[in-house]
Amino acid sequence: MIKNIKLLGVAILILGMAAGCAPASPVSGMNQATAHILTLYAVLTNSAPDLNTTPTNPIMLASDTPGIPTDTATLAPSATPTTDNLPSVTPTPSLLPTPCYRAYFVKDVTIPDYAKLAAGETFVKTWRLENNGTCNWPADTQVVFVSGSQMGAPSSQSIGAAVAVGEERDVSVTMKAPAEAGTYTGYWMLKIPNAGRFGIGDAGNQSFWVIVVVGSKSPTPSVTKTVGTPPPTKTPTVTPTTTPTPTGSPTPIPTNTPTCVGGYPVC
């Protein structure tokens, strides 16, 4: 309020000075001055802020320094991974080290599995094996019987030669089919003296085998002769041929010859 009075005084003083400079019509000059004073007073009293009251719309200044842009951190949206887009990972099995001595079965050279044999038939079983280990097989390597049906074969037999890594070797054993009909299986492995047995498979500890099917022998048909009295031999009947009876020549009947007398016939 005090400030308003001071402002009003200053305004009157300014208007008074302006009136002093106005043209010489005192009445009109006074009226104009009064009108200006009243207008200025109304403006000042309505627009001047009251120091004892709280402004209804206070101006809020930003805490940051004006004119300097603030860096507002923008959070990127977090991407949630989905299992549909993830590549499938197949676990890799642990690899076993390759054994020093190991064989790989290539094929049956003779007597394939379930070959049919006659009872008591002698045959030669031959396997083709490859050295797929890391060590060469020495020349004294043997093929040995392990289990099953031995079928008359020896318990061990030399393979006949050394076999380098990666080479193949035909291993043969002579056997004999059992006398009884049925299916027979024999299991075999390789053996190196002072090194033990080895065979096929990843670890080189499995057997290879021979399987045969034995059937009974078919009997040989024989002809049985019956001994007895042979039937009498029939003598063929000979029909005699009829000898034709010769017919006699007709006896000529003599004719009566006239007797001639004196050389002259007598009539």
Protein backbone atom coordinates (compact mmCIF):
# COMPACT_ATOMS: atom_id res chain seq x y z
CA MET A 1 0.00 0.00 0.00
CA ILE A 2 2.78 2.38 0.87
CA LYS A 3 4.40 1.60 -2.45
CA ASN A 4 1.15 2.50 -4.24
CA ILE A 5 1.06 5.91 -2.52
CA LYS A 6 4.65 6.58 -3.54
CA LEU A 7 3.89 5.64 -7.11
CA LEU A 8 0.82 7.88 -7.04
CA GLY A 9 2.88 10.81 -5.83
CA VAL A 10 5.43 10.30 -8.56
CA ALA A 11 2.65 10.14 -11.12
CA ILE A 12 1.08 13.41 -9.85
CA LEU A 13 4.45 15.10 -9.98
CA ILE A 14 4.98 13.98 -13.57
CA LEU A 15 1.53 15.08 -14.59
CA GLY A 16 1.97 18.43 -12.88
CA MET A 17 5.11 19.06 -14.84
CA ALA A 18 3.31 18.06 -17.99
CA ALA A 19 0.47 20.43 -17.21
CA GLY A 20 2.89 23.26 -16.73
CA CYS A 21 4.05 22.78 -20.24
CA ALA A 22 0.52 22.55 -21.67
CA PRO A 23 -1.18 25.51 -23.56
CA ALA A 24 -2.86 28.26 -21.68
CA SER A 25 -6.44 26.96 -21.05
CA PRO A 26 -6.41 26.46 -17.29
CA VAL A 27 -9.80 24.77 -16.93
CA SER A 28 -9.30 22.32 -19.71
CA GLY A 29 -5.76 21.70 -18.60
CA MET A 30 -6.88 20.95 -15.04
CA ASN A 31 -9.56 18.58 -16.20
CA GLN A 32 -7.16 16.72 -18.39
CA ALA A 33 -4.62 16.49 -15.59
CA THR A 34 -7.23 15.21 -13.21
CA ALA A 35 -8.36 12.64 -15.74
CA HIS A 36 -4.80 11.47 -16.29
CA ILE A 37 -4.19 11.23 -12.54
CA LEU A 38 -7.33 9.17 -12.00
CA THR A 39 -6.54 6.86 -14.91
CA LEU A 40 -2.97 6.36 -13.76
CA TYR A 41 -4.13 5.69 -10.23
CA ALA A 42 -6.61 3.07 -11.38
CA VAL A 43 -3.96 1.36 -13.45
CA LEU A 44 -1.44 1.40 -10.66
CA THR A 45 -3.84 0.16 -8.01
CA ASN A 46 -5.04 -2.75 -10.19
CA SER A 47 -1.69 -3.86 -11.58
CA ALA A 48 0.64 -3.29 -8.68
CA PRO A 49 1.28 -6.48 -6.78
CA ASP A 50 0.38 -6.73 -3.12
CA LEU A 51 3.46 -7.54 -1.16
CA ASN A 52 1.45 -9.10 1.65
CA THR A 53 -0.29 -11.68 -0.57
CA THR A 54 1.05 -14.81 -2.23
CA PRO A 55 0.93 -14.74 -6.02
CA THR A 56 -1.56 -17.19 -7.45
CA ASN A 57 0.58 -18.16 -10.43
CA PRO A 58 4.19 -18.11 -9.35
CA ILE A 59 6.77 -18.41 -12.09
CA MET A 60 8.78 -21.60 -11.65
CA LEU A 61 12.32 -21.45 -12.96
CA ALA A 62 14.04 -24.60 -14.10
CA SER A 63 16.73 -25.80 -11.79
CA ASP A 64 19.15 -26.08 -14.71
CA THR A 65 20.92 -23.08 -16.14
CA PRO A 66 18.71 -21.43 -18.80
CA GLY A 67 19.94 -21.79 -22.34
CA ILE A 68 21.92 -24.99 -21.68
CA PRO A 69 20.06 -28.09 -22.82
CA THR A 70 19.88 -30.87 -20.33
CA ASP A 71 20.94 -34.40 -21.28
CA THR A 72 18.12 -36.69 -20.33
CA ALA A 73 19.16 -40.31 -20.28
CA THR A 74 16.87 -42.38 -22.50
CA LEU A 75 16.61 -46.02 -21.55
CA ALA A 76 16.57 -48.38 -24.50
CA PRO A 77 13.85 -51.01 -24.33
CA SER A 78 15.22 -54.26 -23.02
CA ALA A 79 14.95 -57.07 -25.58
CA THR A 80 13.65 -60.26 -24.08
CA PRO A 81 15.25 -63.21 -25.90
CA THR A 82 12.87 -65.85 -27.11
CA THR A 83 13.69 -69.51 -27.38
CA ASP A 84 12.23 -69.62 -30.90
CA ASN A 85 15.05 -67.49 -32.31
CA LEU A 86 17.86 -69.23 -30.44
CA PRO A 87 19.89 -71.78 -32.46
CA SER A 88 19.65 -75.36 -31.29
CA VAL A 89 22.87 -76.69 -29.81
CA THR A 90 23.54 -80.41 -30.00
CA PRO A 91 25.88 -81.61 -27.27
CA THR A 92 29.01 -83.21 -28.68
CA PRO A 93 29.77 -86.57 -27.11
CA SER A 94 33.16 -87.00 -25.60
CA LEU A 95 35.57 -88.64 -28.03
CA LEU A 96 37.42 -91.69 -26.80
CA PRO A 97 41.08 -91.97 -27.71
CA THR A 98 41.78 -94.46 -30.50
CA PRO A 99 43.15 -97.72 -29.06
CA CYS A 100 46.58 -98.92 -30.09
CA TYR A 101 45.24 -102.30 -31.26
CA ARG A 102 41.80 -102.34 -32.88
CA ALA A 103 40.16 -104.08 -35.87
CA TYR A 104 37.34 -103.13 -38.20
CA PHE A 105 35.11 -105.82 -39.74
CA VAL A 106 34.98 -105.28 -43.52
CA LYS A 107 32.96 -108.29 -44.73
CA ASP A 108 32.51 -112.06 -44.72
CA VAL A 109 34.63 -113.45 -47.55
CA THR A 110 33.22 -116.97 -47.09
CA ILE A 111 30.33 -118.47 -45.09
CA PRO A 112 28.06 -115.48 -44.55
CA ASP A 113 25.83 -115.40 -41.47
CA TYR A 114 23.26 -118.21 -41.33
CA ALA A 115 24.87 -120.15 -44.16
CA LYS A 116 23.27 -123.58 -44.49
CA LEU A 117 25.62 -126.53 -44.12
CA ALA A 118 25.22 -130.27 -43.99
CA ALA A 119 25.88 -132.07 -40.73
CA GLY A 120 29.60 -132.84 -40.36
CA GLU A 121 30.56 -130.69 -43.38
CA THR A 122 34.07 -129.20 -43.31
CA PHE A 123 34.34 -125.55 -44.31
CA VAL A 124 36.77 -122.59 -44.18
CA LYS A 125 35.53 -119.40 -42.54
CA THR A 126 37.26 -116.20 -43.76
CA TRP A 127 36.81 -112.69 -42.31
CA ARG A 128 38.24 -109.57 -43.93
CA LEU A 129 39.54 -107.25 -41.18
CA GLU A 130 41.15 -103.81 -41.29
CA ASN A 131 43.73 -102.45 -38.84
CA ASN A 132 42.06 -99.20 -37.72
CA GLY A 133 44.06 -98.72 -34.54
CA THR A 134 47.22 -96.69 -34.07
CA CYS A 135 49.73 -99.58 -33.92
CA ASN A 136 50.82 -102.14 -36.51
CA TRP A 137 49.92 -105.79 -35.95
CA PRO A 138 53.06 -107.93 -35.71
CA ALA A 139 53.51 -111.07 -37.77
CA ASP A 140 52.83 -113.33 -34.76
CA THR A 141 49.30 -111.96 -34.29
CA GLN A 142 46.79 -114.79 -33.80
CA VAL A 143 43.06 -115.31 -34.26
CA VAL A 144 41.73 -117.02 -31.12
CA PHE A 145 38.46 -118.69 -30.10
CA VAL A 146 36.58 -116.85 -27.34
CA SER A 147 33.18 -118.45 -26.73
CA GLY A 148 30.19 -120.15 -28.29
CA SER A 149 30.58 -123.12 -30.63
CA GLN A 150 34.16 -123.87 -31.63
CA MET A 151 33.01 -126.28 -34.38
CA GLY A 152 36.19 -128.33 -34.45
CA ALA A 153 38.46 -125.33 -35.07
CA PRO A 154 41.82 -124.86 -33.27
CA SER A 155 41.83 -122.60 -30.22
CA SER A 156 44.32 -120.22 -31.87
CA GLN A 157 45.87 -119.78 -35.28
CA SER A 158 48.36 -117.30 -36.78
CA ILE A 159 47.02 -114.75 -39.24
CA GLY A 160 50.16 -115.30 -41.33
CA ALA A 161 51.62 -111.80 -41.78
CA ALA A 162 52.11 -108.38 -40.22
CA VAL A 163 49.40 -105.77 -40.89
CA ALA A 164 50.17 -102.03 -40.92
CA VAL A 165 47.70 -99.36 -39.80
CA GLY A 166 45.03 -98.88 -42.48
CA GLU A 167 45.73 -102.20 -44.23
CA GLU A 168 43.27 -105.09 -44.65
CA ARG A 169 43.90 -108.79 -44.02
CA ASP A 170 41.85 -111.94 -44.74
CA VAL A 171 41.82 -114.14 -41.63
CA SER A 172 40.79 -117.78 -42.21
CA VAL A 173 39.99 -120.71 -39.89
CA THR A 174 39.08 -124.28 -40.89
CA MET A 175 35.97 -125.59 -39.10
CA LYS A 176 33.56 -128.51 -39.18
CA ALA A 177 29.79 -128.30 -38.88
CA PRO A 178 28.33 -130.14 -35.87
CA ALA A 179 26.58 -133.47 -36.40
CA GLU A 180 23.28 -132.32 -34.93
CA ALA A 181 20.89 -130.01 -36.77
CA GLY A 182 20.59 -126.45 -35.39
CA THR A 183 22.04 -122.93 -35.45
CA TYR A 184 25.58 -122.52 -34.14
CA THR A 185 27.55 -119.32 -33.34
CA GLY A 186 31.23 -119.00 -32.53
CA TYR A 187 32.94 -115.81 -31.26
CA TRP A 188 36.55 -114.95 -32.16
CA MET A 189 39.09 -112.19 -31.47
CA LEU A 190 42.70 -111.32 -32.28
CA LYS A 191 45.61 -111.68 -29.90
CA ILE A 192 49.17 -110.38 -29.77
CA PRO A 193 51.52 -112.35 -27.52
CA ASN A 194 52.33 -110.42 -24.34
CA ALA A 195 49.77 -107.75 -25.30
CA GLY A 196 46.41 -109.47 -24.80
CA ARG A 197 43.33 -109.85 -26.96
CA PHE A 198 41.61 -107.16 -29.02
CA GLY A 199 38.79 -106.99 -31.54
CA ILE A 200 36.29 -104.69 -33.23
CA GLY A 201 34.20 -101.78 -31.88
CA ASP A 202 35.12 -98.27 -30.75
CA ALA A 203 37.15 -99.57 -27.83
CA GLY A 204 38.48 -102.58 -29.75
CA ASN A 205 37.05 -105.03 -27.18
CA GLN A 206 34.26 -106.78 -29.12
CA SER A 207 34.29 -110.16 -30.87
CA PHE A 208 33.56 -111.00 -34.50
CA TRP A 209 31.65 -114.22 -35.19
CA VAL A 210 30.58 -117.08 -37.44
CA ILE A 211 26.96 -118.29 -37.63
CA VAL A 212 25.90 -121.44 -39.49
CA VAL A 213 22.69 -123.41 -39.77
CA VAL A 214 23.20 -127.16 -39.82
CA GLY A 215 20.56 -129.39 -41.38
CA SER A 216 20.26 -133.19 -41.30
CA LYS A 217 21.68 -135.08 -44.24
CA SER A 218 19.15 -136.27 -46.78
CA PRO A 219 19.25 -140.08 -47.07
CA THR A 220 20.41 -141.46 -50.39
CA PRO A 221 17.58 -143.47 -51.94
CA SER A 222 18.51 -147.14 -52.53
CA VAL A 223 16.80 -149.89 -54.61
CA THR A 224 16.08 -153.07 -52.63
CA LYS A 225 16.21 -156.30 -54.68
CA THR A 226 13.82 -159.13 -53.72
CA VAL A 227 15.47 -162.57 -53.85
CA GLY A 228 13.11 -165.41 -54.90
CA THR A 229 12.45 -168.17 -57.47
CA PRO A 230 12.59 -166.65 -60.88
CA PRO A 231 9.53 -167.38 -62.98
CA PRO A 232 9.88 -170.15 -65.60
CA THR A 233 11.05 -169.03 -68.92
CA LYS A 234 8.42 -169.48 -71.55
CA THR A 235 9.60 -171.33 -74.65
CA PRO A 236 8.18 -169.69 -77.67
CA THR A 237 5.90 -171.97 -79.69
CA VAL A 238 7.07 -172.41 -83.25
CA THR A 239 4.25 -172.94 -85.71
CA PRO A 240 5.48 -175.28 -88.48
CA THR A 241 5.00 -174.04 -91.91
CA THR A 242 2.87 -176.26 -94.13
CA THR A 243 4.85 -177.85 -96.95
CA PRO A 244 2.72 -177.83 -100.05
CA THR A 245 2.13 -181.28 -101.53
CA PRO A 246 3.33 -181.37 -105.11
CA THR A 247 0.65 -182.22 -107.47
CA GLY A 248 1.38 -185.05 -109.93
CA SER A 249 1.66 -184.45 -113.66
CA PRO A 250 -1.33 -185.84 -115.55
CA THR A 251 -0.53 -189.12 -117.17
CA PRO A 252 -0.99 -188.78 -120.90
CA ILE A 253 -3.56 -191.05 -122.32
CA PRO A 254 -2.08 -192.91 -125.32
CA THR A 255 -3.88 -192.51 -128.51
CA ASN A 256 -4.63 -195.41 -130.82
CA THR A 257 -2.09 -195.24 -133.58
CA PRO A 258 -3.19 -197.11 -136.75
CA THR A 259 -1.05 -200.03 -137.75
CA CYS A 260 0.54 -199.53 -141.02
CA VAL A 261 1.12 -202.46 -143.27
CA GLY A 262 3.98 -202.30 -145.59
CA GLY A 263 4.59 -198.76 -144.59
CA TYR A 264 1.32 -197.65 -145.60
CA PRO A 265 -1.33 -196.90 -143.22
CA VAL A 266 -4.46 -198.84 -143.45
CA CYS A 267 -7.46 -196.62 -143.18
